[in-house]
Amino acid sequence: MAKPQHLPRHNLELAPDAKGRLFFDKNQFCDLSEVNILHSGVDTVRQLYRGYLKTDLMERLEDYSGFMMLGGYEWVAGRIGRDSGYQYKLQNADLGLILLIKNFNVKIDNNGPHLKIEASPHLIDEHTPYELQGIMNDLANEVLDDFDFNQSAVHIAVDVQGWEPPSDIVARMHCRSNHVRQFDSMDSIEFASHSATYNRGQSYLFGTASGVQLAIYNKSIQAKAVDKLDYWESVWKRQDNPFEDAPYNYDPEKPVWRIELRYHHSVVQQFSEGTTMAGQPVVFKSYAGLAPHLDGLWKYGLDSFKFLHRPGFFHPFWTLLAQDVKVQTQVKSLLEKTDYKRYYKTSTGFSGKNIELLLGNAISLAARERLTIAQLLNALQTLPFWPTIKNFYQDKGMSQGEFYHHIEKLLKERYLRWGKAI
């Protein structure tokens, strides 16, 4: 399928204008002159590190729960659940950092991915990417010996007024992922790893957490729900003209909608392995190294999740986001000099024995639990190596439909052959 085109833009005098807010399509036009882009930037940074855990720190964490000092800062320390992937957490919400320490899947005395540092929006906003990287590196040095970068993850967000998602946005959003969720009340994972639940507004989530996700939601309601509205209003008012009621001043009576692209660290790694500049590979494993490429990731995301006006053409609002938004101005963008591609490890030349064993065992377990084919497919698609499984069968000549039918046939066979004896 050919990439959709952008509709031509015109100014209020109806003259062609690369920055115009009038979009013409045949005998119709779309007026986005009232859309106000209040904020664009990085909302979340997660920097992963690997190395050897410092013995003295682990002894302190093992025997301690409460307040403790590390790196010149005071932290709330404690154990956390296995679902996080880590065993201990140090949190300082005033500073705006969380340290997740000791990977559950790696022995304590082994070199491994033992540290993840999460930075809050206000800390990201207050520092350049290089300053923030320095703060995180200093803390990594307090936790690990011989630390090295193990990739970063980012959420890129744009906040707007004067636009809200149409009721048919799900039907008009074209993307590879089959994972689409729509909420009348929204669960939003925020800094400090808490879920905020509220019962007004609506939100949309496209894609999976282990890949690239697009989230569109009412930020005004969400910010109020987590008691961060005062902070975000201060951000949205930065461009206001205090001496007049300018059309692009923030209006507290109108909702603010957020468009957010979330990049898992494994996806950032794919970009690091596949991106080139002047034919040479570009490698980035730290947030500071990724910063010049944030505009590239933003535009890649808007091309991956295609909000269409009609077949073959982007919606004008998507054009506005793609052509007018700059993620951040603290670091010079390398967008124009860089060819952004994701490198996918394929199953070519791989016997696939492990894949077939895994799939067979998964189907047997699904039959034992009396899962439907839909439940089984949903479970399989949550696996981080699901793309490798699909690629393996595609390389064998199976279409996606044939592959799903193959799984359905195997599940049905388990039921018919073994029945309730499973």
Protein backbone atom coordinates (compact mmCIF):
# COMPACT_ATOMS: atom_id res chain seq x y z
CA MET A 1 0.00 0.00 0.00
CA ALA A 2 1.33 3.43 -0.99
CA LYS A 3 2.02 5.93 1.74
CA PRO A 4 -0.87 8.40 2.17
CA GLN A 5 -0.38 11.93 0.91
CA HIS A 6 -0.84 15.21 2.75
CA LEU A 7 -3.58 17.57 1.58
CA PRO A 8 -2.39 20.97 0.28
CA ARG A 9 -2.28 23.80 2.84
CA HIS A 10 -3.48 27.38 2.39
CA ASN A 11 -3.53 30.50 4.54
CA LEU A 12 -6.60 32.58 5.40
CA GLU A 13 -6.17 34.50 2.13
CA LEU A 14 -6.54 31.10 0.37
CA ALA A 15 -3.00 31.27 -0.98
CA PRO A 16 -0.80 28.13 -0.88
CA ASP A 17 1.19 28.20 2.36
CA ALA A 18 3.36 25.46 3.86
CA LYS A 19 2.24 26.62 7.32
CA GLY A 20 -1.38 27.41 6.44
CA ARG A 21 -4.20 26.01 8.51
CA LEU A 22 -6.77 25.60 5.69
CA PHE A 23 -6.70 22.20 4.00
CA PHE A 24 -8.51 21.75 0.69
CA ASP A 25 -9.82 18.47 -0.63
CA LYS A 26 -11.76 18.79 -3.88
CA ASN A 27 -14.74 21.03 -3.04
CA GLN A 28 -14.35 20.66 0.74
CA PHE A 29 -11.95 22.25 3.18
CA CYS A 30 -10.91 21.70 6.78
CA ASP A 31 -10.14 24.73 8.94
CA LEU A 32 -7.60 24.08 11.71
CA SER A 33 -6.89 27.75 12.43
CA GLU A 34 -8.32 27.36 15.94
CA VAL A 35 -6.03 24.46 16.88
CA ASN A 36 -3.52 25.55 19.52
CA ILE A 37 -0.41 23.44 20.07
CA LEU A 38 0.28 24.13 23.74
CA HIS A 39 3.21 21.83 24.41
CA SER A 40 5.47 19.30 22.73
CA GLY A 41 8.27 17.34 24.33
CA VAL A 42 9.39 14.20 26.10
CA ASP A 43 7.02 13.14 28.86
CA THR A 44 8.82 10.03 30.11
CA VAL A 45 12.41 8.79 30.03
CA ARG A 46 13.46 5.33 31.14
CA GLN A 47 17.20 4.71 31.05
CA LEU A 48 18.31 1.10 31.44
CA TYR A 49 21.77 0.13 32.67
CA ARG A 50 23.69 -3.08 33.10
CA GLY A 51 26.62 -3.85 35.39
CA TYR A 52 27.52 -5.45 38.72
CA LEU A 53 25.44 -4.53 41.75
CA LYS A 54 27.40 -2.87 44.54
CA THR A 55 27.54 -5.26 47.48
CA ASP A 56 27.22 -2.61 50.18
CA LEU A 57 24.09 -1.13 48.57
CA MET A 58 22.44 -4.53 48.29
CA GLU A 59 23.13 -5.21 51.96
CA ARG A 60 21.46 -1.91 52.85
CA LEU A 61 18.43 -2.63 50.66
CA GLU A 62 18.10 -6.17 51.98
CA ASP A 63 17.81 -5.03 55.59
CA TYR A 64 16.15 -1.68 55.13
CA SER A 65 12.74 -0.21 54.32
CA GLY A 66 12.04 3.46 54.78
CA PHE A 67 14.22 6.49 54.10
CA MET A 68 17.81 6.19 52.93
CA MET A 69 20.48 8.38 51.35
CA LEU A 70 22.05 7.65 47.97
CA GLY A 71 24.06 9.96 45.75
CA GLY A 72 23.37 12.97 47.96
CA TYR A 73 19.58 12.55 47.74
CA GLU A 74 17.06 11.08 50.18
CA TRP A 75 14.88 8.24 48.92
CA VAL A 76 11.94 6.13 50.02
CA ALA A 77 13.21 2.56 49.77
CA GLY A 78 11.31 -0.69 49.61
CA ARG A 79 10.64 -3.96 47.83
CA ILE A 80 8.33 -4.15 44.82
CA GLY A 81 6.39 -6.90 43.06
CA ARG A 82 7.88 -9.30 40.57
CA ASP A 83 5.70 -7.88 37.77
CA SER A 84 8.00 -4.86 37.61
CA GLY A 85 10.94 -7.11 36.73
CA TYR A 86 12.96 -5.67 39.61
CA GLN A 87 13.25 -6.37 43.31
CA TYR A 88 13.81 -2.96 44.93
CA LYS A 89 12.64 0.60 44.36
CA LEU A 90 14.08 3.93 45.43
CA GLN A 91 11.76 6.88 44.87
CA ASN A 92 12.10 10.64 45.23
CA ALA A 93 9.02 12.28 43.67
CA ASP A 94 10.23 15.76 44.62
CA LEU A 95 13.41 15.23 42.62
CA GLY A 96 11.45 13.35 39.95
CA LEU A 97 13.28 10.02 39.80
CA ILE A 98 12.60 6.36 40.49
CA LEU A 99 15.36 3.74 40.63
CA LEU A 100 14.35 0.12 40.01
CA ILE A 101 17.17 -2.15 41.20
CA LYS A 102 18.13 -5.85 40.94
CA ASN A 103 16.69 -7.66 37.97
CA PHE A 104 14.64 -10.67 39.11
CA ASN A 105 15.93 -12.82 36.27
CA VAL A 106 19.66 -12.30 36.88
CA LYS A 107 21.67 -13.54 39.84
CA ILE A 108 22.76 -10.85 42.25
CA ASP A 109 26.49 -11.36 41.64
CA ASN A 110 26.24 -11.47 37.82
CA ASN A 111 26.74 -8.64 35.37
CA GLY A 112 23.27 -7.86 34.04
CA PRO A 113 20.47 -5.34 33.41
CA HIS A 114 20.08 -4.54 37.09
CA LEU A 115 19.00 -0.89 36.95
CA LYS A 116 16.24 1.15 35.37
CA ILE A 117 15.91 4.87 36.11
CA GLU A 118 12.60 6.60 35.37
CA ALA A 119 12.50 10.40 35.09
CA SER A 120 9.37 12.48 35.64
CA PRO A 121 8.09 15.15 33.23
CA HIS A 122 9.15 18.05 35.45
CA LEU A 123 12.74 16.79 35.79
CA ILE A 124 12.97 16.24 32.02
CA ASP A 125 11.60 19.73 31.43
CA GLU A 126 14.07 21.40 33.80
CA HIS A 127 17.22 19.93 32.23
CA THR A 128 18.77 19.48 28.83
CA PRO A 129 19.09 15.85 27.71
CA TYR A 130 22.82 15.98 28.51
CA GLU A 131 22.24 17.38 32.00
CA LEU A 132 19.58 14.76 32.72
CA GLN A 133 21.86 12.01 31.43
CA GLY A 134 24.59 13.21 33.78
CA ILE A 135 22.24 13.02 36.78
CA MET A 136 21.15 9.50 35.87
CA ASN A 137 24.72 8.36 35.17
CA ASP A 138 25.89 9.64 38.57
CA LEU A 139 23.16 7.61 40.26
CA ALA A 140 23.96 4.55 38.15
CA ASN A 141 27.52 4.81 39.41
CA GLU A 142 26.17 4.66 42.98
CA VAL A 143 24.28 1.43 42.24
CA LEU A 144 26.49 -0.46 39.78
CA ASP A 145 30.15 -1.23 39.21
CA ASP A 146 31.31 -1.05 35.59
CA PHE A 147 27.92 0.22 34.43
CA ASP A 148 27.04 0.46 30.75
CA PHE A 149 23.97 1.67 28.89
CA ASN A 150 21.34 -0.95 28.13
CA GLN A 151 19.14 1.29 25.93
CA SER A 152 16.47 3.88 26.78
CA ALA A 153 12.72 4.22 26.34
CA VAL A 154 10.80 7.45 25.74
CA HIS A 155 7.28 8.82 25.56
CA ILE A 156 6.86 11.81 23.22
CA ALA A 157 3.79 13.96 23.87
CA VAL A 158 1.97 16.85 22.19
CA ASP A 159 -0.86 18.73 23.95
CA VAL A 160 -3.47 20.64 21.93
CA GLN A 161 -6.63 22.69 22.35
CA GLY A 162 -9.22 23.31 19.67
CA TRP A 163 -9.29 19.69 18.48
CA GLU A 164 -10.73 16.50 19.85
CA PRO A 165 -10.79 12.99 18.37
CA PRO A 166 -13.82 12.29 16.19
CA SER A 167 -16.13 9.46 17.15
CA ASP A 168 -14.90 7.35 14.22
CA ILE A 169 -11.17 7.76 14.91
CA VAL A 170 -10.70 4.03 15.52
CA ALA A 171 -12.06 3.19 12.07
CA ARG A 172 -9.92 5.88 10.44
CA MET A 173 -6.69 5.01 12.25
CA HIS A 174 -4.70 2.57 10.12
CA CYS A 175 -1.82 0.69 11.73
CA ARG A 176 -0.20 -2.73 11.68
CA SER A 177 -1.19 -3.58 15.23
CA ASN A 178 -4.50 -5.26 15.93
CA HIS A 179 -4.36 -4.01 19.52
CA VAL A 180 -6.82 -1.15 19.88
CA ARG A 181 -8.47 -0.18 23.13
CA GLN A 182 -11.07 2.48 23.75
CA PHE A 183 -11.99 3.64 27.25
CA ASP A 184 -14.90 5.63 28.64
CA SER A 185 -12.90 5.65 31.86
CA MET A 186 -9.14 5.45 31.58
CA ASP A 187 -6.38 3.68 33.45
CA SER A 188 -3.19 5.66 32.90
CA ILE A 189 0.24 4.53 34.06
CA GLU A 190 1.96 7.60 35.43
CA PHE A 191 5.27 8.46 37.04
CA ALA A 192 5.64 6.53 40.31
CA SER A 193 4.08 3.50 38.60
CA HIS A 194 0.60 4.20 39.98
CA SER A 195 -2.62 3.74 38.03
CA ALA A 196 -5.05 6.65 38.05
CA THR A 197 -8.67 5.77 37.37
CA TYR A 198 -11.31 8.33 36.53
CA ASN A 199 -14.76 8.15 35.04
CA ARG A 200 -15.09 10.99 32.58
CA GLY A 201 -13.79 11.62 29.11
CA GLN A 202 -12.52 9.06 26.68
CA SER A 203 -9.18 7.74 25.56
CA TYR A 204 -7.75 5.57 22.81
CA LEU A 205 -4.75 3.27 22.89
CA PHE A 206 -3.30 1.72 19.74
CA GLY A 207 -0.47 -0.84 19.72
CA THR A 208 1.25 -2.81 22.46
CA ALA A 209 3.37 -1.75 25.42
CA SER A 210 6.26 -3.90 24.14
CA GLY A 211 6.38 -2.02 20.82
CA VAL A 212 5.23 1.42 19.72
CA GLN A 213 2.02 2.71 21.27
CA LEU A 214 -0.15 5.66 20.34
CA ALA A 215 -2.26 7.10 23.14
CA ILE A 216 -4.86 9.85 22.61
CA TYR A 217 -6.57 11.06 25.76
CA ASN A 218 -8.04 14.02 27.60
CA LYS A 219 -5.00 15.36 29.45
CA SER A 220 -7.03 17.92 31.42
CA ILE A 221 -9.06 15.20 33.12
CA GLN A 222 -6.07 12.91 33.59
CA ALA A 223 -3.87 15.66 35.07
CA LYS A 224 -6.60 16.61 37.53
CA ALA A 225 -7.10 12.96 38.49
CA VAL A 226 -3.44 12.59 39.50
CA ASP A 227 -3.27 16.07 41.10
CA LYS A 228 -0.88 17.45 38.46
CA LEU A 229 -3.19 20.00 36.81
CA ASP A 230 -1.42 23.01 38.38
CA TYR A 231 1.91 21.88 36.97
CA TRP A 232 0.57 21.21 33.48
CA GLU A 233 -1.34 24.48 33.38
CA SER A 234 1.93 26.29 34.13
CA VAL A 235 3.45 24.49 31.12
CA TRP A 236 0.49 25.28 28.85
CA LYS A 237 0.58 28.98 29.76
CA ARG A 238 4.22 29.54 28.80
CA GLN A 239 3.40 30.93 25.36
CA ASP A 240 0.51 33.09 26.56
CA ASN A 241 0.36 36.82 25.90
CA PRO A 242 -0.50 38.20 29.37
CA PHE A 243 -1.61 41.60 28.02
CA GLU A 244 -4.43 40.47 25.74
CA ASP A 245 -6.86 37.65 25.16
CA ALA A 246 -4.85 36.26 22.25
CA PRO A 247 -6.36 33.37 20.28
CA TYR A 248 -3.43 31.12 21.15
CA ASN A 249 -3.55 31.68 24.89
CA TYR A 250 -4.34 28.62 26.98
CA ASP A 251 -8.05 28.51 27.82
CA PRO A 252 -8.74 26.77 31.17
CA GLU A 253 -12.39 26.32 30.14
CA LYS A 254 -11.48 24.09 27.18
CA PRO A 255 -10.14 20.51 27.37
CA VAL A 256 -6.55 19.73 26.45
CA TRP A 257 -6.04 16.59 24.40
CA ARG A 258 -2.76 14.73 24.38
CA ILE A 259 -1.31 12.75 21.48
CA GLU A 260 1.46 10.55 22.86
CA LEU A 261 3.83 8.09 21.18
CA ARG A 262 5.42 5.56 23.53
CA TYR A 263 8.59 3.77 22.43
CA HIS A 264 9.61 0.62 24.28
CA HIS A 265 13.36 0.23 24.76
CA SER A 266 13.40 -2.80 22.44
CA VAL A 267 12.01 -0.61 19.63
CA VAL A 268 14.59 2.09 20.31
CA GLN A 269 17.22 -0.66 20.04
CA GLN A 270 15.81 -1.65 16.65
CA PHE A 271 16.22 1.95 15.49
CA SER A 272 19.76 2.00 16.86
CA GLU A 273 20.62 -1.10 14.82
CA GLY A 274 18.89 -0.01 11.60
CA THR A 275 19.34 3.77 11.37
CA THR A 276 22.02 5.31 9.16
CA MET A 277 23.45 8.76 8.47
CA ALA A 278 25.26 9.31 5.15
CA GLY A 279 25.31 5.53 4.79
CA GLN A 280 27.01 5.01 8.14
CA PRO A 281 25.30 3.31 11.12
CA VAL A 282 24.00 5.52 13.92
CA VAL A 283 24.14 3.91 17.36
CA PHE A 284 22.42 5.33 20.43
CA LYS A 285 21.98 3.58 23.76
CA SER A 286 21.51 6.54 26.10
CA TYR A 287 18.78 9.16 26.26
CA ALA A 288 21.33 11.88 25.45
CA GLY A 289 22.36 9.95 22.36
CA LEU A 290 18.73 9.50 21.34
CA ALA A 291 17.77 13.17 21.85
CA PRO A 292 18.84 14.44 18.37
CA HIS A 293 16.63 11.73 16.83
CA LEU A 294 13.39 12.46 18.70
CA ASP A 295 11.90 14.34 15.73
CA GLY A 296 12.66 11.28 13.61
CA LEU A 297 10.87 8.99 16.04
CA TRP A 298 7.90 11.38 16.20
CA LYS A 299 7.46 11.40 12.43
CA TYR A 300 8.01 7.65 12.21
CA GLY A 301 5.21 7.14 14.74
CA LEU A 302 2.80 9.35 12.81
CA ASP A 303 3.56 7.32 9.68
CA SER A 304 3.05 4.06 11.56
CA PHE A 305 -0.32 5.12 12.97
CA LYS A 306 -2.07 6.72 9.99
CA PHE A 307 -5.07 8.86 10.86
CA LEU A 308 -6.77 9.17 7.46
CA HIS A 309 -9.07 11.85 6.06
CA ARG A 310 -10.04 9.45 3.29
CA PRO A 311 -8.23 6.56 1.59
CA GLY A 312 -4.86 7.75 0.34
CA PHE A 313 -4.77 11.00 2.34
CA PHE A 314 -3.74 11.87 5.90
CA HIS A 315 -6.22 13.75 8.05
CA PRO A 316 -5.24 17.46 8.14
CA PHE A 317 -4.70 17.24 11.90
CA TRP A 318 -2.10 14.49 11.32
CA THR A 319 -0.43 16.75 8.73
CA LEU A 320 -0.29 19.54 11.30
CA LEU A 321 1.37 17.24 13.84
CA ALA A 322 3.85 15.86 11.30
CA GLN A 323 4.88 19.16 9.71
CA ASP A 324 4.59 21.76 12.49
CA VAL A 325 5.65 19.98 15.68
CA LYS A 326 9.23 19.99 16.96
CA VAL A 327 9.75 17.62 19.85
CA GLN A 328 12.36 19.74 21.61
CA THR A 329 14.71 22.62 20.83
CA GLN A 330 17.46 22.01 23.40
CA VAL A 331 19.37 19.72 21.04
CA LYS A 332 19.85 20.16 17.30
CA SER A 333 17.67 17.73 15.41
CA LEU A 334 19.32 15.29 12.98
CA LEU A 335 16.04 14.47 11.24
CA GLU A 336 17.02 15.82 7.82
CA LYS A 337 20.37 14.00 7.79
CA THR A 338 19.21 10.60 9.00
CA ASP A 339 17.51 7.60 7.42
CA TYR A 340 15.39 6.02 10.16
CA LYS A 341 14.76 2.30 9.91
CA ARG A 342 14.06 -0.47 12.39
CA TYR A 343 16.23 -3.58 12.19
CA TYR A 344 14.21 -6.75 12.72
CA LYS A 345 15.88 -9.99 13.60
CA THR A 346 14.38 -12.59 11.29
CA SER A 347 14.07 -16.34 11.54
CA THR A 348 15.82 -16.89 8.18
CA GLY A 349 18.30 -19.73 8.55
CA PHE A 350 16.79 -20.65 11.93
CA SER A 351 15.53 -24.21 12.24
CA GLY A 352 12.58 -23.06 14.32
CA LYS A 353 12.61 -26.12 16.55
CA ASN A 354 12.27 -23.97 19.68
CA ILE A 355 9.39 -22.03 18.11
CA GLU A 356 7.46 -25.18 17.23
CA LEU A 357 8.06 -26.64 20.70
CA LEU A 358 6.93 -23.42 22.37
CA LEU A 359 3.82 -23.15 20.20
CA GLY A 360 2.93 -26.80 20.75
CA ASN A 361 3.28 -26.50 24.52
CA ALA A 362 1.29 -23.25 24.55
CA ILE A 363 -1.56 -24.91 22.63
CA SER A 364 -1.56 -27.87 25.03
CA LEU A 365 -1.73 -25.53 28.02
CA ALA A 366 -4.50 -23.53 26.35
CA ALA A 367 -6.49 -26.72 25.82
CA ARG A 368 -5.97 -27.68 29.46
CA GLU A 369 -7.32 -24.29 30.57
CA ARG A 370 -10.20 -24.59 28.06
CA LEU A 371 -9.22 -21.38 26.27
CA THR A 372 -10.93 -20.31 23.07
CA ILE A 373 -8.89 -19.67 19.93
CA ALA A 374 -9.36 -15.91 20.46
CA GLN A 375 -8.05 -16.15 24.04
CA LEU A 376 -5.08 -18.22 22.89
CA LEU A 377 -4.16 -15.77 20.11
CA ASN A 378 -4.44 -12.81 22.48
CA ALA A 379 -2.13 -14.56 24.94
CA LEU A 380 0.42 -15.44 22.25
CA GLN A 381 0.47 -11.87 20.92
CA THR A 382 1.59 -10.56 24.31
CA LEU A 383 4.86 -12.52 24.03
CA PRO A 384 7.88 -10.29 23.29
CA PHE A 385 9.02 -12.78 20.63
CA TRP A 386 5.61 -12.99 18.89
CA PRO A 387 7.02 -11.25 15.74
CA THR A 388 9.72 -13.95 15.48
CA ILE A 389 7.06 -16.66 15.69
CA LYS A 390 5.03 -15.02 12.91
CA ASN A 391 8.13 -14.47 10.75
CA PHE A 392 9.09 -18.14 11.09
CA TYR A 393 5.76 -19.32 9.68
CA GLN A 394 5.68 -16.59 7.03
CA ASP A 395 9.10 -17.80 5.85
CA LYS A 396 7.49 -21.24 5.49
CA GLY A 397 4.97 -19.71 3.08
CA MET A 398 1.98 -19.24 5.43
CA SER A 399 -0.17 -16.14 5.20
CA GLN A 400 -1.41 -14.58 8.44
CA GLY A 401 -4.84 -16.15 7.92
CA GLU A 402 -3.33 -19.57 7.23
CA PHE A 403 -1.14 -19.26 10.33
CA TYR A 404 -4.13 -18.44 12.56
CA HIS A 405 -6.08 -21.31 10.99
CA HIS A 406 -3.12 -23.60 11.69
CA ILE A 407 -3.19 -22.69 15.39
CA GLU A 408 -6.97 -23.09 15.51
CA LYS A 409 -6.69 -26.55 13.92
CA LEU A 410 -4.05 -27.67 16.45
CA LEU A 411 -6.17 -26.43 19.37
CA LYS A 412 -9.26 -28.19 18.05
CA GLU A 413 -7.23 -31.37 17.57
CA ARG A 414 -6.14 -31.26 21.25
CA TYR A 415 -9.76 -31.03 22.37
CA LEU A 416 -10.96 -33.85 20.09
CA ARG A 417 -8.09 -36.23 20.83
CA TRP A 418 -7.78 -35.68 24.58
CA GLY A 419 -11.13 -34.24 25.62
CA LYS A 420 -11.49 -33.60 29.35
CA ALA A 421 -8.50 -35.82 30.06
CA ILE A 422 -6.21 -32.88 29.21
